[in-house]
Protein backbone atom coordinates (compact mmCIF):
# COMPACT_ATOMS: atom_id res chain seq x y z
CA UNK A 1 8.93 -20.96 -4.59
CA UNK A 2 8.21 -22.44 -8.08
CA UNK A 3 4.50 -22.76 -7.12
CA UNK A 4 4.31 -19.17 -5.91
CA UNK A 5 5.85 -18.06 -9.09
CA UNK A 6 3.35 -20.03 -11.17
CA UNK A 7 0.38 -18.56 -9.21
CA UNK A 8 1.85 -15.07 -9.46
CA UNK A 9 2.21 -15.51 -13.22
CA UNK A 10 -1.18 -17.05 -13.75
CA UNK A 11 -3.51 -15.26 -11.21
CA UNK A 12 -1.34 -11.95 -10.77
CA UNK A 13 -1.14 -12.32 -6.97
CA UNK A 14 -0.09 -14.58 -4.06
CA UNK A 15 -1.28 -14.49 -0.46
CA UNK A 16 1.35 -15.38 2.18
CA UNK A 17 0.09 -15.97 5.63
CA UNK A 18 1.78 -15.03 8.91
CA UNK A 19 4.74 -13.35 7.40
CA UNK A 20 5.12 -10.47 9.95
CA UNK A 21 5.77 -11.45 13.59
CA UNK A 22 3.64 -9.87 16.44
CA UNK A 23 6.60 -7.65 17.53
CA UNK A 24 6.89 -6.06 14.00
CA UNK A 25 3.21 -5.37 13.84
CA UNK A 26 3.11 -3.90 17.42
CA UNK A 27 6.01 -1.67 16.65
CA UNK A 28 4.47 -0.42 13.41
CA UNK A 29 1.05 0.22 14.96
CA UNK A 30 2.71 2.12 17.72
CA UNK A 31 4.42 4.40 15.20
CA UNK A 32 1.05 4.89 13.45
CA UNK A 33 -0.44 5.84 16.76
CA UNK A 34 2.15 8.64 16.96
CA UNK A 35 1.02 9.80 13.72
CA UNK A 36 -2.60 9.84 14.95
CA UNK A 37 -1.42 11.83 17.91
CA UNK A 38 0.11 14.50 15.64
CA UNK A 39 -3.19 14.68 13.78
CA UNK A 40 -5.02 15.13 17.09
CA UNK A 41 -2.71 17.95 18.13
CA UNK A 42 -3.12 19.58 14.82
CA UNK A 43 -6.99 19.50 14.95
CA UNK A 44 -7.21 20.73 18.63
CA UNK A 45 -4.80 23.71 17.85
CA UNK A 46 -6.99 24.64 14.86
CA UNK A 47 -10.15 24.46 16.90
CA UNK A 48 -11.56 21.67 14.71
CA UNK A 49 -12.07 19.42 17.72
CA UNK A 50 -12.49 20.04 21.32
CA UNK A 51 -10.61 16.95 22.65
CA UNK A 52 -7.94 14.50 21.24
CA UNK A 53 -10.10 11.31 22.06
CA UNK A 54 -7.29 9.73 23.91
CA UNK A 55 -9.60 6.88 25.21
CA UNK A 56 -10.61 5.75 21.73
CA UNK A 57 -9.03 2.63 20.18
CA UNK A 58 -6.44 2.55 17.45
CA UNK A 59 -9.10 1.44 14.95
CA UNK A 60 -11.62 4.23 15.94
CA UNK A 61 -9.65 7.25 17.08
CA UNK A 62 -8.61 8.77 13.79
CA UNK A 63 -12.28 8.48 12.67
CA UNK A 64 -13.46 10.17 15.79
CA UNK A 65 -11.18 13.02 15.12
CA UNK A 66 -12.24 13.43 11.40
CA UNK A 67 -15.79 12.36 11.32
CA UNK A 68 -16.96 15.98 11.34
CA UNK A 69 -13.83 17.20 9.49
CA UNK A 70 -13.76 14.89 6.43
CA UNK A 71 -12.95 17.90 4.22
CA UNK A 72 -9.39 17.88 5.62
CA UNK A 73 -9.13 14.25 6.58
CA UNK A 74 -5.92 12.35 5.43
CA UNK A 75 -6.43 9.89 2.50
CA UNK A 76 -3.05 8.44 3.01
CA UNK A 77 0.39 9.02 4.71
CA UNK A 78 3.60 8.94 2.69
CA UNK A 79 6.13 11.64 3.41
CA UNK A 80 5.57 10.84 7.16
CA UNK A 81 6.64 7.16 7.03
CA UNK A 82 10.38 7.51 7.70
CA UNK A 83 9.76 6.06 11.17
CA UNK A 84 11.93 3.56 12.99
CA UNK A 85 8.99 1.15 13.58
CA UNK A 86 8.16 0.90 9.86
CA UNK A 87 11.73 -0.28 9.02
CA UNK A 88 10.54 -3.94 9.83
CA UNK A 89 7.68 -3.54 7.45
CA UNK A 90 9.39 -2.02 4.38
CA UNK A 91 12.70 -3.87 4.77
CA UNK A 92 11.57 -7.13 6.29
CA UNK A 93 14.15 -9.75 5.52
CA UNK A 94 11.57 -12.50 5.01
CA UNK A 95 9.64 -10.42 2.57
CA UNK A 96 12.79 -9.38 0.67
CA UNK A 97 13.90 -13.04 0.45
CA UNK A 98 10.65 -13.90 -1.22
CA UNK A 99 10.62 -10.80 -3.52
CA UNK A 100 14.29 -11.51 -4.56
CA UNK A 101 13.04 -14.66 -6.24
CA UNK A 102 10.99 -12.41 -8.68
CA UNK A 103 13.41 -9.40 -8.95
CA UNK A 104 16.92 -10.76 -8.40
CA UNK A 105 19.71 -9.21 -6.24
CA UNK A 106 19.04 -5.53 -6.97
CA UNK A 107 15.95 -4.45 -5.26
CA UNK A 108 14.60 -0.93 -4.75
CA UNK A 109 11.90 0.17 -2.48
CA UNK A 110 9.89 1.96 -5.16
CA UNK A 111 8.96 5.62 -4.36
CA UNK A 112 5.41 4.77 -3.54
CA UNK A 113 5.16 3.43 -0.17
CA UNK A 114 1.93 4.40 1.72
CA UNK A 115 -0.15 3.93 4.80
CA UNK A 116 -3.84 4.11 4.26
CA UNK A 117 -6.48 4.92 6.85
CA UNK A 118 -9.72 3.79 5.10
CA UNK A 119 -12.52 5.66 6.77
CA UNK A 120 -16.00 4.26 7.20
CA UNK A 121 -18.35 5.02 4.25
CA UNK A 122 -16.27 7.85 2.85
CA UNK A 123 -15.48 8.03 -0.89
CA UNK A 124 -12.25 9.88 -0.19
CA UNK A 125 -10.69 6.65 0.88
CA UNK A 126 -12.65 4.19 -1.10
CA UNK A 127 -10.10 3.34 -3.90
CA UNK A 128 -11.80 2.42 -7.13
CA UNK A 129 -10.90 -0.35 -9.62
CA UNK A 130 -7.57 0.46 -11.10
CA UNK A 131 -4.11 -0.88 -12.05
CA UNK A 132 -1.22 0.77 -10.06
CA UNK A 133 0.55 0.97 -13.44
CA UNK A 134 -2.38 3.01 -14.74
CA UNK A 135 -1.27 5.82 -12.51
CA UNK A 136 2.47 5.64 -13.53
CA UNK A 137 1.34 5.42 -17.23
CA UNK A 138 -0.20 8.88 -17.25
CA UNK A 139 3.34 10.29 -16.81
CA UNK A 140 5.61 7.62 -18.24
CA UNK A 141 3.66 6.16 -20.96
CA UNK A 142 2.00 2.81 -21.49
CA UNK A 143 5.02 0.85 -22.98
CA UNK A 144 7.42 1.88 -20.26
CA UNK A 145 5.08 0.91 -17.54
CA UNK A 146 4.53 -2.51 -19.12
CA UNK A 147 8.27 -3.17 -19.08
CA UNK A 148 8.60 -2.33 -15.28
CA UNK A 149 9.85 -5.38 -13.23
CA UNK A 150 7.93 -4.87 -9.99
CA UNK A 151 6.14 -6.63 -7.10
CA UNK A 152 3.48 -4.80 -5.10
CA UNK A 153 2.96 -5.68 -1.56
CA UNK A 154 -0.13 -4.89 0.68
CA UNK A 155 -0.55 -5.73 4.36
CA UNK A 156 -3.14 -4.96 6.91
CA UNK A 157 -2.35 -3.56 10.24
CA UNK A 158 -5.89 -4.59 11.56
CA UNK A 159 -8.06 -7.41 10.26
CA UNK A 160 -9.14 -6.72 6.67
CA UNK A 161 -12.61 -8.10 5.89
CA UNK A 162 -15.25 -7.65 3.49
CA UNK A 163 -17.04 -5.66 6.06
CA UNK A 164 -14.36 -3.07 6.70
CA UNK A 165 -13.18 -2.73 3.18
CA UNK A 166 -10.51 -5.44 2.25
CA UNK A 167 -9.07 -5.45 -1.28
CA UNK A 168 -10.80 -7.12 -4.19
CA UNK A 169 -8.87 -8.50 -7.14
CA UNK A 170 -9.70 -9.58 -10.73
CA UNK A 171 -7.47 -12.57 -11.18
CA UNK A 172 -5.52 -12.76 -14.39
CA UNK A 173 -6.20 -9.22 -15.49
CA UNK A 174 -2.49 -8.32 -15.25
CA UNK A 175 -2.07 -10.11 -18.54
CA UNK A 176 -4.02 -7.49 -20.35
CA UNK A 177 -1.30 -4.78 -20.29
CA UNK A 178 -2.15 -1.10 -19.26
CA UNK A 179 -5.79 -0.45 -19.98
CA UNK A 180 -7.57 2.92 -20.20
CA UNK A 181 -8.42 4.70 -16.95
CA UNK A 182 -10.81 7.67 -16.41
CA UNK A 183 -10.41 10.43 -13.73
CA UNK A 184 -12.99 10.47 -11.00
CA UNK A 185 -13.25 12.88 -7.91
CA UNK A 186 -10.64 11.22 -5.83
CA UNK A 187 -9.01 8.43 -7.89
CA UNK A 188 -8.71 7.03 -11.34
CA UNK A 189 -10.93 4.13 -12.38
CA UNK A 190 -10.64 1.66 -15.12
CA UNK A 191 -12.95 2.45 -18.10
CA UNK A 192 -16.20 0.51 -17.77
CA UNK A 193 -15.77 -1.29 -21.16
CA UNK A 194 -12.54 -2.81 -19.77
CA UNK A 195 -13.90 -3.55 -16.45
CA UNK A 196 -17.48 -5.00 -16.92
CA UNK A 197 -16.38 -8.36 -18.33
CA UNK A 198 -14.43 -9.14 -15.11
CA UNK A 199 -17.07 -7.97 -12.52
CA UNK A 200 -18.45 -11.52 -11.84
CA UNK A 201 -14.91 -13.06 -11.50
CA UNK A 202 -13.39 -11.17 -8.70
CA UNK A 203 -12.03 -12.35 -5.35
CA UNK A 204 -12.21 -10.53 -1.95
CA UNK A 205 -8.78 -10.55 -0.26
CA UNK A 206 -9.49 -11.13 3.45
CA UNK A 207 -6.24 -11.03 5.61
CA UNK A 208 -5.11 -10.97 9.16
CA UNK A 209 -2.44 -8.59 10.52
CA UNK A 210 0.99 -10.52 9.67
CA UNK A 211 -0.40 -11.72 6.29
CA UNK A 212 0.73 -10.08 3.16
CA UNK A 213 -0.27 -10.19 -0.49
CA UNK A 214 2.11 -9.90 -3.47
CA UNK A 215 0.61 -8.77 -6.57
CA UNK A 216 1.32 -7.54 -9.98
CA UNK A 217 1.57 -3.97 -10.93
CA UNK A 218 -1.11 -4.29 -13.77
CA UNK A 219 -3.66 -6.41 -11.75
CA UNK A 220 -7.13 -4.93 -11.63
CA UNK A 221 -7.81 -4.29 -7.94
CA UNK A 222 -9.85 -1.95 -5.66
CA UNK A 223 -10.85 -1.48 -2.04
CA UNK A 224 -14.29 -2.57 -0.98
CA UNK A 225 -16.48 0.02 0.88
CA UNK A 226 -15.73 0.18 4.73
CA UNK A 227 -19.07 -0.46 6.41
CA UNK A 228 -17.61 -0.74 9.87
CA UNK A 229 -17.31 2.11 12.40
CA UNK A 230 -13.57 2.07 12.49
CA UNK A 231 -10.62 2.69 10.27
CA UNK A 232 -9.11 -0.13 8.21
CA UNK A 233 -5.39 0.58 8.42
CA UNK A 234 -3.19 -0.89 5.84
CA UNK A 235 0.33 -0.49 4.21
CA UNK A 236 1.03 -0.80 0.58
CA UNK A 237 4.43 -0.52 -1.01
CA UNK A 238 6.29 -1.82 -4.16
CA UNK A 239 9.84 -3.40 -4.84
CA UNK A 240 11.36 -2.87 -8.23
CA UNK A 241 14.43 -4.27 -10.11
CA UNK A 242 16.79 -1.48 -9.24
CA UNK A 243 18.48 -1.81 -12.60
CA UNK A 244 15.40 -0.07 -14.04
CA UNK A 245 14.48 3.62 -13.76
CA UNK A 246 11.48 4.63 -11.71
CA UNK A 247 9.81 6.63 -14.27
CA UNK A 248 9.10 9.11 -11.47
CA UNK A 249 11.08 12.17 -10.36
CA UNK A 250 11.87 10.25 -7.04
CA UNK A 251 14.58 7.53 -7.13
CA UNK A 252 13.35 5.47 -4.18
CA UNK A 253 15.79 3.59 -1.74
CA UNK A 254 17.72 0.56 -2.17
CA UNK A 255 16.59 -2.54 -0.13
CA UNK A 256 19.25 -5.00 -1.42
CA UNK A 257 22.26 -4.50 -3.78
CA UNK A 258 25.52 -6.07 -4.71
CA UNK A 259 26.40 -3.36 -7.01
CA UNK A 260 25.82 -0.39 -4.71
CA UNK A 261 25.82 -1.90 -1.14
CA UNK A 262 26.92 1.35 0.46
CA UNK A 263 23.57 2.89 -0.66
CA UNK A 264 21.29 0.18 0.87
CA UNK A 265 19.15 1.21 3.83
CA UNK A 266 20.94 -0.63 6.54
CA UNK A 267 18.68 -0.36 9.66
CA UNK A 268 15.86 1.65 11.44
CA UNK A 269 18.14 4.62 12.19
CA UNK A 270 19.25 4.81 8.62
CA UNK A 271 15.62 4.80 7.50
CA UNK A 272 14.68 7.58 9.85
CA UNK A 273 17.59 9.64 8.29
CA UNK A 274 16.20 9.30 4.73
CA UNK A 275 13.40 11.22 3.15
CA UNK A 276 10.79 10.49 0.53
CA UNK A 277 12.91 10.86 -2.68
């Protein structure tokens, strides 16, 4: 664990191979397929598509549904994620054991847990260079964000490659603190004078389903363009030292706690009964 901590501190991220078991991934993918079913029903009812594309694969179906409806395509899912099959992702014991080495015994699932369907060659889901803390800083202020004790987690549901838009990191940039961001059409982007010096020192993070990457809240990162003909499905979420405030209106959910054990999300049924708050 000491080596992981050293790499995290030095580079701003750690890649962990084969963390999620096949059954956890299959259950999660089945839940996301249900979300796609709901999207299909909605589009058919609205007359946006004439069929639900039931024969399409998991990776291509959502794209088939929305390729002529990008004006209303979902960039992410968040409120919809209180599903039994995602408990094993967000509250995975192995992940929490690792994260506890960074955060201690009081761990909150931060109120920013997301599933992202990255569409082929659409700027609406092409996330630009940013720091996650750059978004929070807009409301909470730079100093408060730099004091947040957090670990970010990213995991692919399908293989993530340079071809279909895996993540790209600029190692070591988490040590710069919060840098200026500029507003673009869909996302924030790090100001060019801050970013340009690191363009030649970036790392593409190619992962297989089951792998996870832990990274710092202030690490420069983006998603590469998706040049494939399918969706690059992924989950991203954050854990925080629960002794700290979230600096958001939402309070999140306790994943582990000795102080408030009665408030910890205990199982899949408990997770389904919660809401994004």
